[in-house]
Amino acid sequence: MPKNKKTPDGFAARIALLKHVGFIDIENWLPKLRGSGAGRDDLLDACALAWSARDPRRVACAREKDARGLTMDIWY
């Protein structure tokens, strides 16, 4: 994402993206954060992690191997 999530533009862009992938009630959840100790950017991070866990992607790295000979792939 080109803009910081803590700026108004960056926050709005992330809200729009999360709504697009199914988090249609995200704006209703924001007021429920008050008094919880969690920030609104924490909610964005949690939603992004939940979405990525539901539909993981893999970047294979055949050149790098760990001590056991397993490839050092990245999952996100």
N, C-alpha and C. Protein backbone atom coordinates (compact mmCIF):
# COMPACT_ATOMS: atom_id res chain seq x y z
N MET A 1 0.85 -1.17 0.00
CA MET A 1 0.00 0.00 0.00
C MET A 1 0.90 1.23 0.00
N PRO A 2 0.63 2.17 -0.85
CA PRO A 2 1.51 3.33 -0.99
C PRO A 2 1.44 4.34 0.16
N LYS A 3 0.33 4.38 0.90
CA LYS A 3 0.20 5.38 1.97
C LYS A 3 0.13 4.70 3.32
N ASN A 4 0.69 5.37 4.32
CA ASN A 4 0.73 4.87 5.69
C ASN A 4 -0.69 4.64 6.21
N LYS A 5 -0.90 3.53 6.92
CA LYS A 5 -2.23 3.19 7.41
C LYS A 5 -2.72 4.16 8.49
N LYS A 6 -1.83 4.95 9.07
CA LYS A 6 -2.24 5.89 10.11
C LYS A 6 -2.62 7.27 9.56
N THR A 7 -2.45 7.47 8.26
CA THR A 7 -2.88 8.72 7.64
C THR A 7 -4.34 8.56 7.20
N PRO A 8 -5.08 9.64 7.10
CA PRO A 8 -6.48 9.53 6.66
C PRO A 8 -6.63 8.82 5.31
N ASP A 9 -5.79 9.17 4.34
CA ASP A 9 -5.87 8.54 3.02
C ASP A 9 -5.52 7.05 3.08
N GLY A 10 -4.47 6.73 3.81
CA GLY A 10 -4.05 5.34 3.93
C GLY A 10 -5.08 4.49 4.65
N PHE A 11 -5.67 5.07 5.71
CA PHE A 11 -6.70 4.36 6.45
C PHE A 11 -7.93 4.10 5.56
N ALA A 12 -8.36 5.12 4.84
CA ALA A 12 -9.53 5.00 3.96
C ALA A 12 -9.28 3.97 2.86
N ALA A 13 -8.09 3.95 2.31
CA ALA A 13 -7.76 2.98 1.26
C ALA A 13 -7.82 1.56 1.79
N ARG A 14 -7.35 1.35 3.00
CA ARG A 14 -7.38 0.02 3.59
C ARG A 14 -8.80 -0.41 3.94
N ILE A 15 -9.59 0.53 4.44
CA ILE A 15 -11.00 0.22 4.73
C ILE A 15 -11.70 -0.22 3.44
N ALA A 16 -11.48 0.52 2.37
CA ALA A 16 -12.11 0.19 1.09
C ALA A 16 -11.68 -1.19 0.61
N LEU A 17 -10.40 -1.50 0.72
CA LEU A 17 -9.88 -2.79 0.29
C LEU A 17 -10.47 -3.91 1.13
N LEU A 18 -10.52 -3.72 2.44
CA LEU A 18 -11.06 -4.75 3.32
C LEU A 18 -12.56 -4.96 3.07
N LYS A 19 -13.28 -3.90 2.79
CA LYS A 19 -14.70 -4.04 2.45
C LYS A 19 -14.85 -4.83 1.16
N HIS A 20 -13.96 -4.57 0.22
CA HIS A 20 -14.00 -5.26 -1.08
C HIS A 20 -13.81 -6.77 -0.93
N VAL A 21 -13.02 -7.20 0.05
CA VAL A 21 -12.76 -8.64 0.23
C VAL A 21 -13.69 -9.28 1.25
N GLY A 22 -14.72 -8.52 1.69
CA GLY A 22 -15.73 -9.15 2.53
C GLY A 22 -15.95 -8.60 3.92
N PHE A 23 -15.12 -7.69 4.37
CA PHE A 23 -15.28 -7.12 5.71
C PHE A 23 -16.22 -5.91 5.64
N ILE A 24 -17.46 -6.17 5.25
CA ILE A 24 -18.39 -5.07 4.98
C ILE A 24 -18.83 -4.32 6.24
N ASP A 25 -18.69 -4.94 7.40
CA ASP A 25 -19.09 -4.29 8.66
C ASP A 25 -17.94 -3.63 9.40
N ILE A 26 -16.80 -3.53 8.79
CA ILE A 26 -15.61 -3.04 9.49
C ILE A 26 -15.82 -1.66 10.12
N GLU A 27 -16.54 -0.79 9.45
CA GLU A 27 -16.75 0.55 10.01
C GLU A 27 -17.65 0.50 11.25
N ASN A 28 -18.49 -0.51 11.35
CA ASN A 28 -19.32 -0.68 12.55
C ASN A 28 -18.51 -1.22 13.73
N TRP A 29 -17.40 -1.86 13.44
CA TRP A 29 -16.56 -2.42 14.50
C TRP A 29 -15.67 -1.36 15.14
N LEU A 30 -15.35 -0.32 14.41
CA LEU A 30 -14.41 0.69 14.91
C LEU A 30 -14.84 1.31 16.25
N PRO A 31 -16.09 1.74 16.42
CA PRO A 31 -16.47 2.33 17.71
C PRO A 31 -16.37 1.35 18.88
N LYS A 32 -16.42 0.06 18.60
CA LYS A 32 -16.35 -0.96 19.65
C LYS A 32 -14.93 -1.10 20.21
N LEU A 33 -13.97 -0.47 19.57
CA LEU A 33 -12.58 -0.53 20.04
C LEU A 33 -12.34 0.35 21.26
N ARG A 34 -13.18 1.36 21.45
CA ARG A 34 -12.97 2.30 22.55
C ARG A 34 -12.84 1.57 23.89
N GLY A 35 -11.78 1.89 24.61
CA GLY A 35 -11.55 1.29 25.92
C GLY A 35 -10.92 -0.08 25.89
N SER A 36 -10.67 -0.60 24.69
CA SER A 36 -10.11 -1.96 24.59
C SER A 36 -8.59 -1.97 24.63
N GLY A 37 -7.99 -0.82 24.36
CA GLY A 37 -6.53 -0.77 24.26
C GLY A 37 -6.03 -1.04 22.85
N ALA A 38 -6.92 -1.46 21.98
CA ALA A 38 -6.55 -1.70 20.58
C ALA A 38 -6.83 -0.45 19.76
N GLY A 39 -5.94 -0.15 18.84
CA GLY A 39 -6.11 0.99 17.96
C GLY A 39 -6.83 0.59 16.68
N ARG A 40 -7.30 1.59 15.96
CA ARG A 40 -8.02 1.29 14.72
C ARG A 40 -7.11 0.62 13.70
N ASP A 41 -5.82 0.95 13.72
CA ASP A 41 -4.90 0.27 12.82
C ASP A 41 -4.70 -1.19 13.21
N ASP A 42 -4.87 -1.50 14.50
CA ASP A 42 -4.80 -2.90 14.94
C ASP A 42 -5.95 -3.71 14.34
N LEU A 43 -7.12 -3.09 14.25
CA LEU A 43 -8.26 -3.76 13.62
C LEU A 43 -7.98 -4.02 12.14
N LEU A 44 -7.39 -3.04 11.47
CA LEU A 44 -7.04 -3.25 10.06
C LEU A 44 -6.07 -4.41 9.91
N ASP A 45 -5.06 -4.45 10.77
CA ASP A 45 -4.07 -5.53 10.71
C ASP A 45 -4.72 -6.89 10.96
N ALA A 46 -5.61 -6.96 11.96
CA ALA A 46 -6.28 -8.23 12.28
C ALA A 46 -7.12 -8.72 11.10
N CYS A 47 -7.84 -7.81 10.48
CA CYS A 47 -8.66 -8.19 9.32
C CYS A 47 -7.79 -8.64 8.16
N ALA A 48 -6.71 -7.94 7.91
CA ALA A 48 -5.80 -8.32 6.82
C ALA A 48 -5.19 -9.70 7.08
N LEU A 49 -4.82 -9.97 8.32
CA LEU A 49 -4.26 -11.28 8.66
C LEU A 49 -5.31 -12.38 8.52
N ALA A 50 -6.54 -12.10 8.95
CA ALA A 50 -7.61 -13.09 8.82
C ALA A 50 -7.86 -13.40 7.35
N TRP A 51 -7.88 -12.38 6.52
CA TRP A 51 -8.11 -12.59 5.10
C TRP A 51 -6.97 -13.40 4.47
N SER A 52 -5.74 -13.04 4.81
CA SER A 52 -4.61 -13.74 4.20
C SER A 52 -4.51 -15.18 4.69
N ALA A 53 -4.95 -15.45 5.92
CA ALA A 53 -4.95 -16.83 6.42
C ALA A 53 -5.99 -17.67 5.68
N ARG A 54 -7.07 -17.04 5.24
CA ARG A 54 -8.13 -17.75 4.53
C ARG A 54 -7.71 -18.10 3.11
N ASP A 55 -6.85 -17.30 2.53
CA ASP A 55 -6.46 -17.50 1.13
C ASP A 55 -4.95 -17.26 1.00
N PRO A 56 -4.13 -18.17 1.57
CA PRO A 56 -2.68 -17.93 1.57
C PRO A 56 -2.05 -18.04 0.19
N ARG A 57 -0.97 -17.32 0.01
CA ARG A 57 -0.18 -17.34 -1.22
C ARG A 57 1.24 -17.77 -0.86
N ARG A 58 1.91 -18.35 -1.82
CA ARG A 58 3.27 -18.84 -1.58
C ARG A 58 4.23 -18.23 -2.58
N VAL A 59 5.37 -17.80 -2.08
CA VAL A 59 6.47 -17.36 -2.93
C VAL A 59 7.58 -18.38 -2.72
N ALA A 60 7.82 -19.18 -3.73
CA ALA A 60 8.83 -20.23 -3.63
C ALA A 60 10.22 -19.66 -3.85
N CYS A 61 11.16 -20.17 -3.10
CA CYS A 61 12.54 -19.71 -3.21
C CYS A 61 13.43 -20.95 -3.30
N ALA A 62 13.55 -21.49 -4.47
CA ALA A 62 14.27 -22.75 -4.67
C ALA A 62 15.76 -22.63 -4.36
N ARG A 63 16.30 -21.41 -4.43
CA ARG A 63 17.75 -21.24 -4.23
C ARG A 63 18.17 -21.27 -2.77
N GLU A 64 17.29 -20.84 -1.86
CA GLU A 64 17.63 -20.78 -0.44
C GLU A 64 17.08 -21.99 0.30
N LYS A 65 17.93 -22.64 1.08
CA LYS A 65 17.51 -23.81 1.85
C LYS A 65 17.94 -23.62 3.30
N ASP A 66 17.15 -24.22 4.21
CA ASP A 66 17.52 -24.15 5.63
C ASP A 66 18.48 -25.29 5.97
N ALA A 67 18.79 -25.45 7.25
CA ALA A 67 19.76 -26.46 7.69
C ALA A 67 19.30 -27.88 7.39
N ARG A 68 17.99 -28.08 7.22
CA ARG A 68 17.46 -29.40 6.92
C ARG A 68 17.27 -29.63 5.42
N GLY A 69 17.63 -28.65 4.62
CA GLY A 69 17.49 -28.77 3.17
C GLY A 69 16.13 -28.36 2.63
N LEU A 70 15.28 -27.78 3.48
CA LEU A 70 13.96 -27.34 3.04
C LEU A 70 14.06 -25.96 2.41
N THR A 71 13.28 -25.72 1.37
CA THR A 71 13.31 -24.41 0.72
C THR A 71 12.78 -23.34 1.67
N MET A 72 13.31 -22.15 1.54
CA MET A 72 12.96 -21.01 2.40
C MET A 72 11.84 -20.23 1.74
N ASP A 73 10.67 -20.84 1.63
CA ASP A 73 9.52 -20.22 0.99
C ASP A 73 8.88 -19.19 1.94
N ILE A 74 8.15 -18.26 1.36
CA ILE A 74 7.42 -17.25 2.12
C ILE A 74 5.94 -17.47 1.87
N TRP A 75 5.17 -17.54 2.94
CA TRP A 75 3.71 -17.64 2.83
C TRP A 75 3.13 -16.37 3.36
N TYR A 76 2.18 -15.82 2.65
CA TYR A 76 1.52 -14.60 3.11
C TYR A 76 0.05 -14.65 2.76
